Amino acid sequence: MRLVIARCSVDYEGRLTAHLPLATRLLLVKADGSVLVHSDGGSYKPLNWMSPPATLAVEPAEGERAAAGAEQVWTVRSGRTDDCLVVAVHEVLHDSSHDLGVDPGLVKDGVEAHLQRLLAEQVGLLGEGHVLVRREYPTAIGPVDLLVRAPGGGTVAVEVKRRGEIDGVEQLTRYLELLNRDPLIAPVTGVFAAQEIKPQARVLAGDRGIRCVLLDYDALRGVDDPSARLF
Protein backbone atom coordinates (compact mmCIF):
# COMPACT_ATOMS: atom_id res chain seq x y z
CA MET A 1 0.00 0.00 0.00
CA ARG A 2 1.20 3.49 -0.87
CA LEU A 3 0.36 6.39 1.47
CA VAL A 4 0.67 9.92 0.12
CA ILE A 5 -0.23 13.06 2.06
CA ALA A 6 -0.51 15.93 -0.38
CA ARG A 7 -2.10 19.27 -1.11
CA CYS A 8 -4.33 18.42 -4.01
CA SER A 9 -7.59 18.97 -5.83
CA VAL A 10 -9.68 16.06 -7.11
CA ASP A 11 -12.12 15.70 -10.00
CA TYR A 12 -14.29 12.67 -10.78
CA GLU A 13 -15.47 12.38 -14.38
CA GLY A 14 -17.84 9.81 -15.85
CA ARG A 15 -21.34 8.69 -14.87
CA LEU A 16 -21.28 11.56 -12.39
CA THR A 17 -19.02 14.53 -11.84
CA ALA A 18 -17.62 15.76 -8.52
CA HIS A 19 -14.97 18.27 -7.49
CA LEU A 20 -12.88 18.57 -4.34
CA PRO A 21 -11.09 21.94 -4.11
CA LEU A 22 -7.46 22.30 -3.11
CA ALA A 23 -6.75 20.96 0.41
CA THR A 24 -4.40 18.62 2.25
CA ARG A 25 -5.57 15.01 1.94
CA LEU A 26 -4.44 11.41 2.31
CA LEU A 27 -4.22 9.40 -0.93
CA LEU A 28 -4.27 5.61 -0.58
CA VAL A 29 -3.09 3.47 -3.49
CA LYS A 30 -3.84 -0.20 -2.83
CA ALA A 31 -2.36 -3.31 -4.41
CA ASP A 32 -5.77 -4.30 -5.79
CA GLY A 33 -5.74 -1.17 -8.00
CA SER A 34 -8.10 0.97 -5.95
CA VAL A 35 -7.29 4.60 -5.14
CA LEU A 36 -9.00 6.37 -2.23
CA VAL A 37 -8.98 10.04 -1.20
CA HIS A 38 -9.39 10.71 2.53
CA SER A 39 -9.67 13.81 4.69
CA ASP A 40 -8.97 14.02 8.43
CA GLY A 41 -12.70 13.70 9.16
CA GLY A 42 -15.65 11.69 7.98
CA SER A 43 -14.69 8.51 9.82
CA TYR A 44 -13.80 5.55 7.58
CA LYS A 45 -15.44 6.74 4.35
CA PRO A 46 -13.25 8.31 1.64
CA LEU A 47 -14.22 11.61 0.03
CA ASN A 48 -13.86 9.99 -3.37
CA TRP A 49 -12.38 6.81 -4.77
CA MET A 50 -11.95 4.50 -7.75
CA SER A 51 -12.70 0.84 -7.21
CA PRO A 52 -10.65 -1.95 -8.82
CA PRO A 53 -9.88 -2.86 -11.50
CA ALA A 54 -8.24 0.46 -12.23
CA THR A 55 -4.99 1.86 -13.63
CA LEU A 56 -2.99 4.80 -12.28
CA ALA A 57 -0.86 7.07 -14.46
CA VAL A 58 1.26 9.88 -12.95
CA GLU A 59 2.43 12.70 -15.25
CA PRO A 60 3.85 16.22 -14.84
CA ALA A 61 1.17 18.89 -14.68
CA GLU A 62 0.65 20.97 -17.82
CA GLY A 63 -1.49 23.84 -19.03
CA GLU A 64 -4.07 25.28 -16.64
CA ARG A 65 -3.23 22.83 -13.86
CA ALA A 66 0.46 23.74 -13.98
CA ALA A 67 -0.42 27.43 -14.04
CA ALA A 68 -2.57 26.89 -10.93
CA GLY A 69 0.46 25.43 -9.11
CA ALA A 70 0.05 21.68 -9.62
CA GLU A 71 3.24 19.63 -9.96
CA GLN A 72 1.75 16.24 -10.87
CA VAL A 73 -1.50 14.89 -12.28
CA TRP A 74 -2.70 11.45 -11.20
CA THR A 75 -5.16 9.91 -13.64
CA VAL A 76 -6.99 6.85 -12.33
CA ARG A 77 -9.07 5.08 -14.98
CA SER A 78 -11.67 2.41 -14.29
CA GLY A 79 -11.13 -0.94 -15.99
CA ARG A 80 -14.87 -1.43 -16.42
CA THR A 81 -16.31 1.97 -17.38
CA ASP A 82 -15.20 5.31 -18.79
CA ASP A 83 -15.06 6.79 -15.28
CA CYS A 84 -11.90 8.66 -14.35
CA LEU A 85 -10.49 10.13 -11.13
CA VAL A 86 -8.06 13.01 -11.68
CA VAL A 87 -5.90 14.23 -8.79
CA ALA A 88 -3.92 17.44 -9.28
CA VAL A 89 -1.05 17.24 -6.76
CA HIS A 90 0.37 20.63 -5.73
CA GLU A 91 2.70 19.54 -2.93
CA VAL A 92 3.68 16.14 -1.54
CA LEU A 93 4.13 16.19 2.25
CA HIS A 94 4.66 12.46 2.73
CA ASP A 95 5.09 9.47 0.42
CA SER A 96 5.69 5.93 1.65
CA SER A 97 4.95 2.36 0.54
CA HIS A 98 4.32 -0.65 2.77
CA ASP A 99 3.87 -4.34 2.01
CA LEU A 100 0.92 -5.46 4.15
CA GLY A 101 1.02 -9.07 2.95
CA VAL A 102 -2.05 -11.27 2.57
CA ASP A 103 -4.87 -10.30 4.91
CA PRO A 104 -6.48 -13.26 6.74
CA GLY A 105 -9.89 -11.59 6.52
CA LEU A 106 -12.34 -10.46 9.14
CA VAL A 107 -12.73 -12.70 12.19
CA LYS A 108 -16.42 -12.59 12.99
CA ASP A 109 -17.83 -12.42 16.49
CA GLY A 110 -19.85 -15.33 17.86
CA VAL A 111 -23.28 -14.07 16.82
CA GLU A 112 -22.17 -13.15 13.29
CA ALA A 113 -20.45 -16.49 12.73
CA HIS A 114 -23.52 -18.27 14.08
CA LEU A 115 -25.78 -16.30 11.73
CA GLN A 116 -23.64 -17.37 8.80
CA ARG A 117 -23.85 -21.05 9.77
CA LEU A 118 -27.59 -20.93 10.40
CA LEU A 119 -28.30 -19.20 7.09
CA ALA A 120 -26.15 -21.75 5.28
CA GLU A 121 -28.30 -24.50 6.82
CA GLN A 122 -31.51 -22.65 5.89
CA VAL A 123 -30.45 -21.12 2.58
CA GLY A 124 -34.03 -21.46 1.30
CA LEU A 125 -34.76 -18.27 3.22
CA LEU A 126 -33.09 -16.45 0.33
CA GLY A 127 -35.76 -17.80 -1.99
CA GLU A 128 -37.19 -21.12 -3.09
CA GLY A 129 -34.74 -23.26 -5.03
CA HIS A 130 -31.53 -21.66 -3.74
CA VAL A 131 -28.76 -24.20 -3.04
CA LEU A 132 -25.60 -23.64 -1.01
CA VAL A 133 -22.37 -24.03 -2.98
CA ARG A 134 -19.89 -23.23 -0.20
CA ARG A 135 -19.34 -21.26 2.97
CA GLU A 136 -16.31 -18.96 3.13
CA TYR A 137 -15.78 -19.01 -0.64
CA PRO A 138 -12.20 -17.74 -1.20
CA THR A 139 -11.31 -14.63 -3.20
CA ALA A 140 -8.10 -12.64 -3.52
CA ILE A 141 -9.36 -10.10 -0.96
CA GLY A 142 -10.92 -12.48 1.54
CA PRO A 143 -13.67 -15.10 1.74
CA VAL A 144 -17.29 -14.49 0.77
CA ASP A 145 -19.58 -15.69 3.58
CA LEU A 146 -21.84 -17.82 1.37
CA LEU A 147 -21.81 -18.68 -2.31
CA VAL A 148 -25.24 -19.89 -3.43
CA ARG A 149 -26.69 -21.24 -6.66
CA ALA A 150 -29.97 -19.59 -7.66
CA PRO A 151 -32.79 -21.66 -9.22
CA GLY A 152 -32.27 -20.04 -12.64
CA GLY A 153 -28.61 -21.11 -12.68
CA GLY A 154 -27.08 -17.80 -11.59
CA THR A 155 -24.72 -17.40 -8.65
CA VAL A 156 -25.40 -15.37 -5.51
CA ALA A 157 -22.74 -14.01 -3.13
CA VAL A 158 -24.09 -13.45 0.39
CA GLU A 159 -22.47 -11.19 2.98
CA VAL A 160 -23.78 -11.81 6.52
CA LYS A 161 -23.62 -9.15 9.22
CA ARG A 162 -25.13 -8.67 12.65
CA ARG A 163 -25.60 -4.98 11.87
CA GLY A 164 -25.67 -3.98 8.23
CA GLU A 165 -23.91 -0.69 7.51
CA ILE A 166 -22.38 1.02 4.48
CA ASP A 167 -18.96 -0.62 4.93
CA GLY A 168 -20.58 -4.06 4.63
CA VAL A 169 -22.17 -3.06 1.32
CA GLU A 170 -18.80 -1.77 0.12
CA GLN A 171 -17.18 -5.06 1.13
CA LEU A 172 -19.76 -7.09 -0.81
CA THR A 173 -19.37 -4.77 -3.82
CA ARG A 174 -15.64 -5.54 -3.92
CA TYR A 175 -16.35 -9.27 -3.76
CA LEU A 176 -18.85 -9.01 -6.61
CA GLU A 177 -16.37 -7.13 -8.80
CA LEU A 178 -13.86 -9.97 -8.38
CA LEU A 179 -16.33 -12.86 -8.66
CA ASN A 180 -17.84 -11.53 -11.88
CA ARG A 181 -14.43 -11.84 -13.55
CA ASP A 182 -14.67 -15.64 -13.19
CA PRO A 183 -16.53 -17.03 -16.24
CA LEU A 184 -17.25 -20.28 -14.38
CA ILE A 185 -19.58 -18.58 -11.89
CA ALA A 186 -20.54 -15.26 -13.53
CA PRO A 187 -22.96 -13.59 -13.52
CA VAL A 188 -22.90 -13.15 -9.74
CA THR A 189 -25.48 -11.06 -7.87
CA GLY A 190 -25.32 -10.00 -4.23
CA VAL A 191 -27.41 -10.42 -1.10
CA PHE A 192 -26.69 -8.35 2.02
CA ALA A 193 -28.14 -10.23 5.01
CA ALA A 194 -28.22 -8.85 8.55
CA GLN A 195 -30.30 -8.64 11.70
CA GLU A 196 -30.51 -4.87 11.23
CA ILE A 197 -29.76 -2.85 8.09
CA LYS A 198 -29.18 0.88 8.33
CA PRO A 199 -31.21 3.07 5.91
CA GLN A 200 -28.07 4.44 4.26
CA ALA A 201 -26.84 0.88 3.65
CA ARG A 202 -30.19 -0.05 2.07
CA VAL A 203 -30.00 2.91 -0.30
CA LEU A 204 -26.41 2.09 -1.34
CA ALA A 205 -27.23 -1.60 -1.77
CA GLY A 206 -30.25 -0.79 -3.94
CA ASP A 207 -28.17 1.57 -6.07
CA ARG A 208 -25.69 -1.27 -6.71
CA GLY A 209 -28.30 -3.93 -7.42
CA ILE A 210 -27.72 -5.75 -4.14
CA ARG A 211 -30.74 -7.32 -2.42
CA CYS A 212 -31.18 -6.84 1.33
CA VAL A 213 -32.49 -9.62 3.58
CA LEU A 214 -33.32 -9.21 7.28
CA LEU A 215 -32.40 -12.14 9.52
CA ASP A 216 -34.30 -13.14 12.67
CA TYR A 217 -31.69 -14.74 14.92
CA ASP A 218 -34.18 -16.43 17.24
CA ALA A 219 -36.23 -17.80 14.36
CA LEU A 220 -33.08 -19.15 12.69
CA ARG A 221 -32.17 -20.92 15.93
CA GLY A 222 -35.66 -22.38 16.21
CA VAL A 223 -36.39 -20.78 19.59
CA ASP A 224 -38.99 -18.35 18.27
CA ASP A 225 -41.97 -18.89 15.99
CA PRO A 226 -42.75 -15.65 14.13
CA SER A 227 -46.22 -16.95 13.20
CA ALA A 228 -47.14 -17.19 16.90
CA ARG A 229 -46.40 -13.53 17.64
CA LEU A 230 -49.19 -11.09 18.47
CA PHE A 231 -47.07 -8.14 17.29
C-alpha atoms as a PDB file:
ATOM      1  CA  MET A   1       0.000   0.000   0.000  1.00  0.00           C
ATOM      2  CA  ARG A   2       1.199   3.492  -0.873  1.00  0.00           C
ATOM      3  CA  LEU A   3       0.361   6.385   1.471  1.00  0.00           C
ATOM      4  CA  VAL A   4       0.666   9.920   0.119  1.00  0.00           C
ATOM      5  CA  ILE A   5      -0.235  13.060   2.061  1.00  0.00           C
ATOM      6  CA  ALA A   6      -0.513  15.926  -0.384  1.00  0.00           C
ATOM      7  CA  ARG A   7      -2.102  19.271  -1.106  1.00  0.00           C
ATOM      8  CA  CYS A   8      -4.333  18.415  -4.014  1.00  0.00           C
ATOM      9  CA  SER A   9      -7.594  18.972  -5.831  1.00  0.00           C
ATOM     10  CA  VAL A  10      -9.679  16.058  -7.110  1.00  0.00           C
ATOM     11  CA  ASP A  11     -12.119  15.697 -10.001  1.00  0.00           C
ATOM     12  CA  TYR A  12     -14.292  12.672 -10.778  1.00  0.00           C
ATOM     13  CA  GLU A  13     -15.466  12.375 -14.380  1.00  0.00           C
ATOM     14  CA  GLY A  14     -17.844   9.805 -15.852  1.00  0.00           C
ATOM     15  CA  ARG A  15     -21.338   8.688 -14.866  1.00  0.00           C
ATOM     16  CA  LEU A  16     -21.277  11.561 -12.392  1.00  0.00           C
ATOM     17  CA  THR A  17     -19.017  14.534 -11.837  1.00  0.00           C
ATOM     18  CA  ALA A  18     -17.618  15.761  -8.520  1.00  0.00           C
ATOM     19  CA  HIS A  19     -14.973  18.270  -7.489  1.00  0.00           C
ATOM     20  CA  LEU A  20     -12.875  18.571  -4.340  1.00  0.00           C
ATOM     21  CA  PRO A  21     -11.088  21.943  -4.109  1.00  0.00           C
ATOM     22  CA  LEU A  22      -7.462  22.300  -3.112  1.00  0.00           C
ATOM     23  CA  ALA A  23      -6.752  20.962   0.406  1.00  0.00           C
ATOM     24  CA  THR A  24      -4.404  18.618   2.254  1.00  0.00           C
ATOM     25  CA  ARG A  25      -5.569  15.005   1.941  1.00  0.00           C
ATOM     26  CA  LEU A  26      -4.436  11.407   2.305  1.00  0.00           C
ATOM     27  CA  LEU A  27      -4.218   9.396  -0.930  1.00  0.00           C
ATOM     28  CA  LEU A  28      -4.270   5.609  -0.578  1.00  0.00           C
ATOM     29  CA  VAL A  29      -3.090   3.465  -3.490  1.00  0.00           C
ATOM     30  CA  LYS A  30      -3.837  -0.205  -2.826  1.00  0.00           C
ATOM     31  CA  ALA A  31      -2.356  -3.311  -4.405  1.00  0.00           C
ATOM     32  CA  ASP A  32      -5.774  -4.303  -5.794  1.00  0.00           C
ATOM     33  CA  GLY A  33      -5.737  -1.172  -7.998  1.00  0.00           C
ATOM     34  CA  SER A  34      -8.098   0.967  -5.951  1.00  0.00           C
ATOM     35  CA  VAL A  35      -7.291   4.595  -5.137  1.00  0.00           C
ATOM     36  CA  LEU A  36      -9.003   6.371  -2.230  1.00  0.00           C
ATOM     37  CA  VAL A  37      -8.983  10.042  -1.203  1.00  0.00           C
ATOM     38  CA  HIS A  38      -9.391  10.706   2.533  1.00  0.00           C
ATOM     39  CA  SER A  39      -9.668  13.806   4.691  1.00  0.00           C
ATOM     40  CA  ASP A  40      -8.969  14.024   8.426  1.00  0.00           C
ATOM     41  CA  GLY A  41     -12.704  13.703   9.163  1.00  0.00           C
ATOM     42  CA  GLY A  42     -15.652  11.692   7.981  1.00  0.00           C
ATOM     43  CA  SER A  43     -14.686   8.508   9.820  1.00  0.00           C
ATOM     44  CA  TYR A  44     -13.801   5.553   7.578  1.00  0.00           C
ATOM     45  CA  LYS A  45     -15.443   6.737   4.353  1.00  0.00           C
ATOM     46  CA  PRO A  46     -13.251   8.308   1.635  1.00  0.00           C
ATOM     47  CA  LEU A  47     -14.224  11.609   0.033  1.00  0.00           C
ATOM     48  CA  ASN A  48     -13.863   9.994  -3.370  1.00  0.00           C
ATOM     49  CA  TRP A  49     -12.380   6.809  -4.774  1.00  0.00           C
ATOM     50  CA  MET A  50     -11.949   4.504  -7.746  1.00  0.00           C
ATOM     51  CA  SER A  51     -12.700   0.839  -7.213  1.00  0.00           C
ATOM     52  CA  PRO A  52     -10.652  -1.947  -8.819  1.00  0.00           C
ATOM     53  CA  PRO A  53      -9.884  -2.865 -11.504  1.00  0.00           C
ATOM     54  CA  ALA A  54      -8.241   0.463 -12.234  1.00  0.00           C
ATOM     55  CA  THR A  55      -4.993   1.857 -13.631  1.00  0.00           C
ATOM     56  CA  LEU A  56      -2.992   4.799 -12.280  1.00  0.00           C
ATOM     57  CA  ALA A  57      -0.858   7.066 -14.456  1.00  0.00           C
ATOM     58  CA  VAL A  58       1.257   9.885 -12.951  1.00  0.00           C
ATOM     59  CA  GLU A  59       2.425  12.696 -15.247  1.00  0.00           C
ATOM     60  CA  PRO A  60       3.846  16.217 -14.844  1.00  0.00           C
ATOM     61  CA  ALA A  61       1.171  18.895 -14.679  1.00  0.00           C
ATOM     62  CA  GLU A  62       0.654  20.965 -17.823  1.00  0.00           C
ATOM     63  CA  GLY A  63      -1.488  23.844 -19.026  1.00  0.00           C
ATOM     64  CA  GLU A  64      -4.071  25.278 -16.640  1.00  0.00           C
ATOM     65  CA  ARG A  65      -3.233  22.830 -13.863  1.00  0.00           C
ATOM     66  CA  ALA A  66       0.458  23.741 -13.984  1.00  0.00           C
ATOM     67  CA  ALA A  67      -0.424  27.430 -14.042  1.00  0.00           C
ATOM     68  CA  ALA A  68      -2.570  26.885 -10.927  1.00  0.00           C
ATOM     69  CA  GLY A  69       0.459  25.430  -9.108  1.00  0.00           C
ATOM     70  CA  ALA A  70       0.048  21.679  -9.620  1.00  0.00           C
ATOM     71  CA  GLU A  71       3.239  19.628  -9.956  1.00  0.00           C
ATOM     72  CA  GLN A  72       1.746  16.238 -10.873  1.00  0.00           C
ATOM     73  CA  VAL A  73      -1.505  14.894 -12.278  1.00  0.00           C
ATOM     74  CA  TRP A  74      -2.700  11.446 -11.203  1.00  0.00           C
ATOM     75  CA  THR A  75      -5.161   9.910 -13.637  1.00  0.00           C
ATOM     76  CA  VAL A  76      -6.990   6.848 -12.326  1.00  0.00           C
ATOM     77  CA  ARG A  77      -9.071   5.080 -14.980  1.00  0.00           C
ATOM     78  CA  SER A  78     -11.669   2.412 -14.286  1.00  0.00           C
ATOM     79  CA  GLY A  79     -11.127  -0.935 -15.993  1.00  0.00           C
ATOM     80  CA  ARG A  80     -14.871  -1.426 -16.422  1.00  0.00           C
ATOM     81  CA  THR A  81     -16.307   1.971 -17.381  1.00  0.00           C
ATOM     82  CA  ASP A  82     -15.196   5.307 -18.794  1.00  0.00           C
ATOM     83  CA  ASP A  83     -15.061   6.795 -15.279  1.00  0.00           C
ATOM     84  CA  CYS A  84     -11.898   8.662 -14.353  1.00  0.00           C
ATOM     85  CA  LEU A  85     -10.489  10.131 -11.131  1.00  0.00           C
ATOM     86  CA  VAL A  86      -8.064  13.012 -11.683  1.00  0.00           C
ATOM     87  CA  VAL A  87      -5.898  14.233  -8.789  1.00  0.00           C
ATOM     88  CA  ALA A  88      -3.920  17.436  -9.280  1.00  0.00           C
ATOM     89  CA  VAL A  89      -1.052  17.243  -6.757  1.00  0.00           C
ATOM     90  CA  HIS A  90       0.370  20.629  -5.734  1.00  0.00           C
ATOM     91  CA  GLU A  91       2.698  19.542  -2.926  1.00  0.00           C
ATOM     92  CA  VAL A  92       3.676  16.136  -1.535  1.00  0.00           C
ATOM     93  CA  LEU A  93       4.132  16.189   2.246  1.00  0.00           C
ATOM     94  CA  HIS A  94       4.658  12.460   2.735  1.00  0.00           C
ATOM     95  CA  ASP A  95       5.086   9.470   0.420  1.00  0.00           C
ATOM     96  CA  SER A  96       5.689   5.928   1.649  1.00  0.00           C
ATOM     97  CA  SER A  97       4.953   2.363   0.541  1.00  0.00           C
ATOM     98  CA  HIS A  98       4.325  -0.646   2.770  1.00  0.00           C
ATOM     99  CA  ASP A  99       3.871  -4.336   2.005  1.00  0.00           C
ATOM    100  CA  LEU A 100       0.924  -5.461   4.145  1.00  0.00           C
ATOM    101  CA  GLY A 101       1.021  -9.069   2.948  1.00  0.00           C
ATOM    102  CA  VAL A 102      -2.054 -11.275   2.573  1.00  0.00           C
ATOM    103  CA  ASP A 103      -4.867 -10.303   4.914  1.00  0.00           C
ATOM    104  CA  PRO A 104      -6.479 -13.258   6.736  1.00  0.00           C
ATOM    105  CA  GLY A 105      -9.886 -11.592   6.517  1.00  0.00           C
ATOM    106  CA  LEU A 106     -12.338 -10.463   9.144  1.00  0.00           C
ATOM    107  CA  VAL A 107     -12.734 -12.703  12.188  1.00  0.00           C
ATOM    108  CA  LYS A 108     -16.421 -12.588  12.991  1.00  0.00           C
ATOM    109  CA  ASP A 109     -17.827 -12.424  16.486  1.00  0.00           C
ATOM    110  CA  GLY A 110     -19.845 -15.335  17.858  1.00  0.00           C
ATOM    111  CA  VAL A 111     -23.276 -14.073  16.820  1.00  0.00           C
ATOM    112  CA  GLU A 112     -22.173 -13.149  13.288  1.00  0.00           C
ATOM    113  CA  ALA A 113     -20.448 -16.491  12.728  1.00  0.00           C
ATOM    114  CA  HIS A 114     -23.521 -18.270  14.075  1.00  0.00           C
ATOM    115  CA  LEU A 115     -25.782 -16.295  11.732  1.00  0.00           C
ATOM    116  CA  GLN A 116     -23.638 -17.368   8.802  1.00  0.00           C
ATOM    117  CA  ARG A 117     -23.848 -21.047   9.768  1.00  0.00           C
ATOM    118  CA  LEU A 118     -27.588 -20.927  10.396  1.00  0.00           C
ATOM    119  CA  LEU A 119     -28.303 -19.198   7.091  1.00  0.00           C
ATOM    120  CA  ALA A 120     -26.147 -21.755   5.280  1.00  0.00           C
ATOM    121  CA  GLU A 121     -28.298 -24.501   6.820  1.00  0.00           C
ATOM    122  CA  GLN A 122     -31.512 -22.647   5.888  1.00  0.00           C
ATOM    123  CA  VAL A 123     -30.450 -21.124   2.580  1.00  0.00           C
ATOM    124  CA  GLY A 124     -34.032 -21.464   1.298  1.00  0.00           C
ATOM    125  CA  LEU A 125     -34.756 -18.265   3.223  1.00  0.00           C
ATOM    126  CA  LEU A 126     -33.091 -16.448   0.334  1.00  0.00           C
ATOM    127  CA  GLY A 127     -35.765 -17.803  -1.988  1.00  0.00           C
ATOM    128  CA  GLU A 128     -37.187 -21.117  -3.093  1.00  0.00           C
ATOM    129  CA  GLY A 129     -34.738 -23.256  -5.034  1.00  0.00           C
ATOM    130  CA  HIS A 130     -31.530 -21.662  -3.742  1.00  0.00           C
ATOM    131  CA  VAL A 131     -28.764 -24.199  -3.043  1.00  0.00           C
ATOM    132  CA  LEU A 132     -25.595 -23.641  -1.006  1.00  0.00           C
ATOM    133  CA  VAL A 133     -22.367 -24.032  -2.981  1.00  0.00           C
ATOM    134  CA  ARG A 134     -19.891 -23.229  -0.203  1.00  0.00           C
ATOM    135  CA  ARG A 135     -19.342 -21.263   2.969  1.00  0.00           C
ATOM    136  CA  GLU A 136     -16.315 -18.957   3.134  1.00  0.00           C
ATOM    137  CA  TYR A 137     -15.780 -19.008  -0.638  1.00  0.00           C
ATOM    138  CA  PRO A 138     -12.205 -17.738  -1.197  1.00  0.00           C
ATOM    139  CA  THR A 139     -11.310 -14.633  -3.197  1.00  0.00           C
ATOM    140  CA  ALA A 140      -8.098 -12.636  -3.524  1.00  0.00           C
ATOM    141  CA  ILE A 141      -9.356 -10.099  -0.961  1.00  0.00           C
ATOM    142  CA  GLY A 142     -10.919 -12.483   1.543  1.00  0.00           C
ATOM    143  CA  PRO A 143     -13.666 -15.103   1.741  1.00  0.00           C
ATOM    144  CA  VAL A 144     -17.290 -14.494   0.772  1.00  0.00           C
ATOM    145  CA  ASP A 145     -19.583 -15.685   3.584  1.00  0.00           C
ATOM    146  CA  LEU A 146     -21.843 -17.817   1.367  1.00  0.00           C
ATOM    147  CA  LEU A 147     -21.812 -18.682  -2.314  1.00  0.00           C
ATOM    148  CA  VAL A 148     -25.235 -19.887  -3.428  1.00  0.00           C
ATOM    149  CA  ARG A 149     -26.690 -21.243  -6.661  1.00  0.00           C
ATOM    150  CA  ALA A 150     -29.972 -19.586  -7.662  1.00  0.00           C
ATOM    151  CA  PRO A 151     -32.790 -21.664  -9.218  1.00  0.00           C
ATOM    152  CA  GLY A 152     -32.270 -20.041 -12.635  1.00  0.00           C
ATOM    153  CA  GLY A 153     -28.614 -21.108 -12.677  1.00  0.00           C
ATOM    154  CA  GLY A 154     -27.081 -17.801 -11.588  1.00  0.00           C
ATOM    155  CA  THR A 155     -24.722 -17.396  -8.652  1.00  0.00           C
ATOM    156  CA  VAL A 156     -25.401 -15.375  -5.511  1.00  0.00           C
ATOM    157  CA  ALA A 157     -22.745 -14.014  -3.125  1.00  0.00           C
ATOM    158  CA  VAL A 158     -24.094 -13.451   0.391  1.00  0.00           C
ATOM    159  CA  GLU A 159     -22.474 -11.191   2.981  1.00  0.00           C
ATOM    160  CA  VAL A 160     -23.779 -11.807   6.518  1.00  0.00           C
ATOM    161  CA  LYS A 161     -23.615  -9.150   9.221  1.00  0.00           C
ATOM    162  CA  ARG A 162     -25.130  -8.672  12.646  1.00  0.00           C
ATOM    163  CA  ARG A 163     -25.596  -4.978  11.868  1.00  0.00           C
ATOM    164  CA  GLY A 164     -25.667  -3.980   8.231  1.00  0.00           C
ATOM    165  CA  GLU A 165     -23.910  -0.694   7.510  1.00  0.00           C
ATOM    166  CA  ILE A 166     -22.375   1.017   4.484  1.00  0.00           C
ATOM    167  CA  ASP A 167     -18.957  -0.616   4.934  1.00  0.00           C
ATOM    168  CA  GLY A 168     -20.583  -4.059   4.627  1.00  0.00           C
ATOM    169  CA  VAL A 169     -22.173  -3.065   1.316  1.00  0.00           C
ATOM    170  CA  GLU A 170     -18.796  -1.775   0.115  1.00  0.00           C
ATOM    171  CA  GLN A 171     -17.184  -5.061   1.133  1.00  0.00           C
ATOM    172  CA  LEU A 172     -19.763  -7.086  -0.808  1.00  0.00           C
ATOM    173  CA  THR A 173     -19.366  -4.769  -3.816  1.00  0.00           C
ATOM    174  CA  ARG A 174     -15.637  -5.541  -3.922  1.00  0.00           C
ATOM    175  CA  TYR A 175     -16.348  -9.266  -3.762  1.00  0.00           C
ATOM    176  CA  LEU A 176     -18.853  -9.005  -6.615  1.00  0.00           C
ATOM    177  CA  GLU A 177     -16.370  -7.128  -8.796  1.00  0.00           C
ATOM    178  CA  LEU A 178     -13.860  -9.966  -8.383  1.00  0.00           C
ATOM    179  CA  LEU A 179     -16.325 -12.858  -8.664  1.00  0.00           C
ATOM    180  CA  ASN A 180     -17.842 -11.527 -11.876  1.00  0.00           C
ATOM    181  CA  ARG A 181     -14.433 -11.838 -13.546  1.00  0.00           C
ATOM    182  CA  ASP A 182     -14.673 -15.641 -13.190  1.00  0.00           C
ATOM    183  CA  PRO A 183     -16.527 -17.029 -16.237  1.00  0.00           C
ATOM    184  CA  LEU A 184     -17.251 -20.283 -14.381  1.00  0.00           C
ATOM    185  CA  ILE A 185     -19.584 -18.581 -11.890  1.00  0.00           C
ATOM    186  CA  ALA A 186     -20.543 -15.263 -13.533  1.00  0.00           C
ATOM    187  CA  PRO A 187     -22.960 -13.588 -13.518  1.00  0.00           C
ATOM    188  CA  VAL A 188     -22.901 -13.150  -9.736  1.00  0.00           C
ATOM    189  CA  THR A 189     -25.477 -11.060  -7.874  1.00  0.00           C
ATOM    190  CA  GLY A 190     -25.324 -10.003  -4.230  1.00  0.00           C
ATOM    191  CA  VAL A 191     -27.407 -10.416  -1.097  1.00  0.00           C
ATOM    192  CA  PHE A 192     -26.694  -8.352   2.018  1.00  0.00           C
ATOM    193  CA  ALA A 193     -28.139 -10.234   5.005  1.00  0.00           C
ATOM    194  CA  ALA A 194     -28.221  -8.852   8.546  1.00  0.00           C
ATOM    195  CA  GLN A 195     -30.302  -8.635  11.697  1.00  0.00           C
ATOM    196  CA  GLU A 196     -30.506  -4.871  11.230  1.00  0.00           C
ATOM    197  CA  ILE A 197     -29.762  -2.852   8.093  1.00  0.00           C
ATOM    198  CA  LYS A 198     -29.178   0.884   8.326  1.00  0.00           C
ATOM    199  CA  PRO A 199     -31.213   3.069   5.914  1.00  0.00           C
ATOM    200  CA  GLN A 200     -28.066   4.435   4.258  1.00  0.00           C
ATOM    201  CA  ALA A 201     -26.841   0.884   3.650  1.00  0.00           C
ATOM    202  CA  ARG A 202     -30.189  -0.052   2.072  1.00  0.00           C
ATOM    203  CA  VAL A 203     -29.998   2.912  -0.297  1.00  0.00           C
ATOM    204  CA  LEU A 204     -26.415   2.091  -1.342  1.00  0.00           C
ATOM    205  CA  ALA A 205     -27.233  -1.601  -1.766  1.00  0.00           C
ATOM    206  CA  GLY A 206     -30.253  -0.787  -3.938  1.00  0.00           C
ATOM    207  CA  ASP A 207     -28.168   1.565  -6.070  1.00  0.00           C
ATOM    208  CA  ARG A 208     -25.694  -1.269  -6.707  1.00  0.00           C
ATOM    209  CA  GLY A 209     -28.304  -3.935  -7.422  1.00  0.00           C
ATOM    210  CA  ILE A 210     -27.722  -5.752  -4.139  1.00  0.00           C
ATOM    211  CA  ARG A 211     -30.740  -7.322  -2.423  1.00  0.00           C
ATOM    212  CA  CYS A 212     -31.176  -6.840   1.331  1.00  0.00           C
ATOM    213  CA  VAL A 213     -32.489  -9.625   3.585  1.00  0.00           C
ATOM    214  CA  LEU A 214     -33.319  -9.207   7.277  1.00  0.00           C
ATOM    215  CA  LEU A 215     -32.397 -12.139   9.521  1.00  0.00           C
ATOM    216  CA  ASP A 216     -34.298 -13.145  12.668  1.00  0.00           C
ATOM    217  CA  TYR A 217     -31.694 -14.744  14.917  1.00  0.00           C
ATOM    218  CA  ASP A 218     -34.182 -16.433  17.241  1.00  0.00           C
ATOM    219  CA  ALA A 219     -36.235 -17.800  14.358  1.00  0.00           C
ATOM    220  CA  LEU A 220     -33.082 -19.147  12.685  1.00  0.00           C
ATOM    221  CA  ARG A 221     -32.167 -20.917  15.930  1.00  0.00           C
ATOM    222  CA  GLY A 222     -35.665 -22.380  16.214  1.00  0.00           C
ATOM    223  CA  VAL A 223     -36.393 -20.776  19.588  1.00  0.00           C
ATOM    224  CA  ASP A 224     -38.986 -18.351  18.265  1.00  0.00           C
ATOM    225  CA  ASP A 225     -41.972 -18.891  15.988  1.00  0.00           C
ATOM    226  CA  PRO A 226     -42.748 -15.647  14.126  1.00  0.00           C
ATOM    227  CA  SER A 227     -46.221 -16.950  13.200  1.00  0.00           C
ATOM    228  CA  ALA A 228     -47.140 -17.189  16.900  1.00  0.00           C
ATOM    229  CA  ARG A 229     -46.402 -13.530  17.645  1.00  0.00           C
ATOM    230  CA  LEU A 230     -49.194 -11.093  18.474  1.00  0.00           C
ATOM    231  CA  PHE A 231     -47.068  -8.141  17.289  1.00  0.00           C
END
